[in-house]
Amino acid sequence: MAKALIDTPIGALTVIANDVGVCRVWFGDLDANVSGTEAADAHLAVALTQLREYFDGERTSFDMTIDRSGRAGFRGKVLDALETVSFGQTITYGDLAARVGRPKAARAVGSAMATNPIAIIVPCHRVLPSGGGIGQFGGGVPAKEWLVRREGSLD
């Protein structure tokens, strides 16, 4: 595994990659023991470049290998569906629940998203409450507002 801490307009992010791909993007300095391999270092380098481009306004989508091996069941379906929400789009928790075949499970979708290990790249910030407002976010509400505004989905 390989790890880096990068500064962004929404605060520091820890990015971790393994031999399979990017496995973690988290807010703040995540304490993790890593011993880099050539493959992990390569995945990390791609992720860092693309995240910097995203935050600099030069990138609207990510093209990197993600380690999805920890995804299973309902949570896995939610995280997979999140990856289909494009830059500049927002959906509601209910819409996302419908996409995974459980239209009455909006709260469960929120719980599944709270465990998203790859923030920003797997875009849970693009999911908003149906009643208005911005909703919750692991990086904090100001970070979510910044991200949604950056993508042109918030006035």
Protein backbone atom coordinates (compact mmCIF):
# COMPACT_ATOMS: atom_id res chain seq x y z
CA MET A 1 0.00 0.00 0.00
CA ALA A 2 1.02 3.58 -0.62
CA LYS A 3 -0.26 6.68 1.17
CA ALA A 4 -0.15 10.44 0.67
CA LEU A 5 -1.70 13.44 2.37
CA ILE A 6 -2.69 16.25 0.02
CA ASP A 7 -4.01 19.73 0.72
CA THR A 8 -7.21 20.73 -1.08
CA PRO A 9 -9.63 23.65 -0.91
CA ILE A 10 -11.81 21.54 1.41
CA GLY A 11 -8.96 20.48 3.68
CA ALA A 12 -6.39 17.72 3.81
CA LEU A 13 -7.21 14.37 2.22
CA THR A 14 -5.48 11.06 2.83
CA VAL A 15 -5.21 8.96 -0.32
CA ILE A 16 -4.27 5.29 -0.07
CA ALA A 17 -3.70 2.82 -2.89
CA ASN A 18 -2.84 -0.85 -2.93
CA ASP A 19 -1.73 -3.19 -5.68
CA VAL A 20 -5.32 -3.37 -7.02
CA GLY A 21 -6.05 0.38 -7.12
CA VAL A 22 -7.17 3.33 -5.03
CA CYS A 23 -8.77 1.99 -1.85
CA ARG A 24 -9.21 5.07 0.33
CA VAL A 25 -9.74 8.83 0.05
CA TRP A 26 -10.54 10.23 3.46
CA PHE A 27 -10.77 13.60 5.16
CA GLY A 28 -7.82 14.57 7.32
CA ASP A 29 -4.71 12.59 8.13
CA LEU A 30 -5.71 8.95 8.32
CA ASP A 31 -3.27 6.95 10.39
CA ALA A 32 -2.40 3.88 8.36
CA ASN A 33 0.66 1.70 8.19
CA VAL A 34 1.75 1.31 4.61
CA SER A 35 4.64 -0.26 2.79
CA GLY A 36 4.58 0.82 -0.82
CA THR A 37 4.90 -1.43 -3.82
CA GLU A 38 5.54 -0.36 -7.37
CA ALA A 39 1.91 -1.04 -8.35
CA ALA A 40 0.48 0.78 -5.32
CA ASP A 41 2.80 3.74 -5.91
CA ALA A 42 1.63 3.94 -9.54
CA HIS A 43 -2.07 3.89 -8.56
CA LEU A 44 -1.41 6.53 -5.92
CA ALA A 45 0.38 8.80 -8.40
CA VAL A 46 -2.55 8.65 -10.82
CA ALA A 47 -5.04 9.41 -8.04
CA LEU A 48 -3.04 12.37 -6.74
CA THR A 49 -2.69 13.87 -10.20
CA GLN A 50 -6.38 13.49 -10.99
CA LEU A 51 -7.54 14.81 -7.62
CA ARG A 52 -5.33 17.89 -8.01
CA GLU A 53 -6.74 18.44 -11.51
CA TYR A 54 -10.28 18.09 -10.16
CA PHE A 55 -9.71 20.63 -7.41
CA ASP A 56 -7.98 22.99 -9.87
CA GLY A 57 -11.07 22.90 -12.13
CA GLU A 58 -9.30 21.00 -14.93
CA ARG A 59 -11.04 17.61 -14.54
CA THR A 60 -14.71 16.60 -14.45
CA SER A 61 -14.34 12.82 -14.25
CA PHE A 62 -11.90 10.32 -12.84
CA ASP A 63 -10.17 7.62 -14.84
CA MET A 64 -8.29 5.43 -12.41
CA THR A 65 -8.36 1.93 -11.06
CA ILE A 66 -10.39 1.59 -7.87
CA ASP A 67 -10.20 -1.36 -5.51
CA ARG A 68 -13.84 -2.41 -5.22
CA SER A 69 -13.08 -5.71 -3.49
CA GLY A 70 -14.69 -4.68 -0.19
CA ARG A 71 -18.08 -4.01 -1.78
CA ALA A 72 -20.89 -6.45 -1.14
CA GLY A 73 -24.65 -6.61 -0.74
CA PHE A 74 -26.78 -3.50 -0.51
CA ARG A 75 -23.81 -1.29 0.44
CA GLY A 76 -21.92 -2.46 -2.63
CA LYS A 77 -24.89 -1.73 -4.89
CA VAL A 78 -25.16 1.78 -3.45
CA LEU A 79 -21.46 2.51 -3.97
CA ASP A 80 -21.60 1.10 -7.51
CA ALA A 81 -24.65 3.26 -8.29
CA LEU A 82 -22.91 6.35 -6.90
CA GLU A 83 -20.26 5.98 -9.58
CA THR A 84 -22.94 6.50 -12.25
CA VAL A 85 -23.83 10.00 -11.00
CA SER A 86 -21.92 12.30 -13.31
CA PHE A 87 -20.14 15.57 -12.65
CA GLY A 88 -22.62 18.43 -12.40
CA GLN A 89 -25.56 16.15 -11.54
CA THR A 90 -27.22 15.62 -8.21
CA ILE A 91 -29.77 13.05 -7.17
CA THR A 92 -31.74 12.45 -4.00
CA TYR A 93 -31.29 9.64 -1.53
CA GLY A 94 -34.65 8.29 -2.75
CA ASP A 95 -33.51 8.40 -6.39
CA LEU A 96 -30.41 6.45 -5.47
CA ALA A 97 -32.49 3.93 -3.52
CA ALA A 98 -34.66 3.44 -6.61
CA ARG A 99 -31.55 2.92 -8.76
CA VAL A 100 -30.51 0.01 -6.56
CA GLY A 101 -33.98 -1.53 -6.58
CA ARG A 102 -35.06 -0.47 -3.08
CA PRO A 103 -37.17 2.68 -3.62
CA LYS A 104 -38.24 2.91 0.04
CA ALA A 105 -34.71 2.58 1.42
CA ALA A 106 -33.52 6.21 1.27
CA ARG A 107 -32.33 6.14 4.89
CA ALA A 108 -30.46 2.90 4.31
CA VAL A 109 -28.81 4.51 1.28
CA GLY A 110 -27.59 7.31 3.55
CA SER A 111 -26.17 4.77 5.98
CA ALA A 112 -24.42 2.90 3.17
CA MET A 113 -22.94 6.12 1.82
CA ALA A 114 -21.59 6.99 5.27
CA THR A 115 -19.21 4.04 4.84
CA ASN A 116 -17.92 5.18 1.44
CA PRO A 117 -14.15 4.69 1.71
CA ILE A 118 -13.32 6.62 -1.47
CA ALA A 119 -14.75 10.12 -1.04
CA ILE A 120 -14.83 12.53 -3.99
CA ILE A 121 -13.95 9.82 -6.55
CA VAL A 122 -17.02 7.79 -5.53
CA PRO A 123 -19.19 10.93 -5.42
CA CYS A 124 -21.46 10.71 -2.37
CA HIS A 125 -21.40 14.52 -2.29
CA ARG A 126 -23.75 14.47 -5.31
CA VAL A 127 -26.62 12.99 -3.28
CA LEU A 128 -28.95 15.52 -1.66
CA PRO A 129 -32.06 15.28 0.53
CA SER A 130 -35.37 15.40 -1.35
CA GLY A 131 -36.70 18.04 1.05
CA GLY A 132 -34.00 20.53 0.17
CA GLY A 133 -30.75 21.47 1.79
CA ILE A 134 -27.35 19.93 1.37
CA GLY A 135 -27.51 16.97 3.75
CA GLN A 136 -24.71 15.40 5.73
CA PHE A 137 -21.20 14.58 4.56
CA GLY A 138 -18.18 12.86 6.07
CA GLY A 139 -16.00 15.85 5.29
CA GLY A 140 -18.50 18.28 6.79
CA VAL A 141 -21.30 20.34 5.31
CA PRO A 142 -19.02 23.20 4.11
CA ALA A 143 -16.94 20.68 2.12
CA LYS A 144 -20.06 19.19 0.53
CA GLU A 145 -21.34 22.66 -0.35
CA TRP A 146 -17.96 23.52 -1.92
CA LEU A 147 -17.93 20.32 -3.99
CA VAL A 148 -21.50 20.67 -5.25
CA ARG A 149 -20.91 24.35 -6.03
CA ARG A 150 -17.62 23.49 -7.79
CA GLU A 151 -19.59 21.12 -10.03
CA GLY A 152 -22.20 23.77 -10.80
CA SER A 153 -25.09 22.06 -9.03
CA LEU A 154 -25.62 24.65 -6.30
CA ASP A 155 -26.34 28.34 -6.75
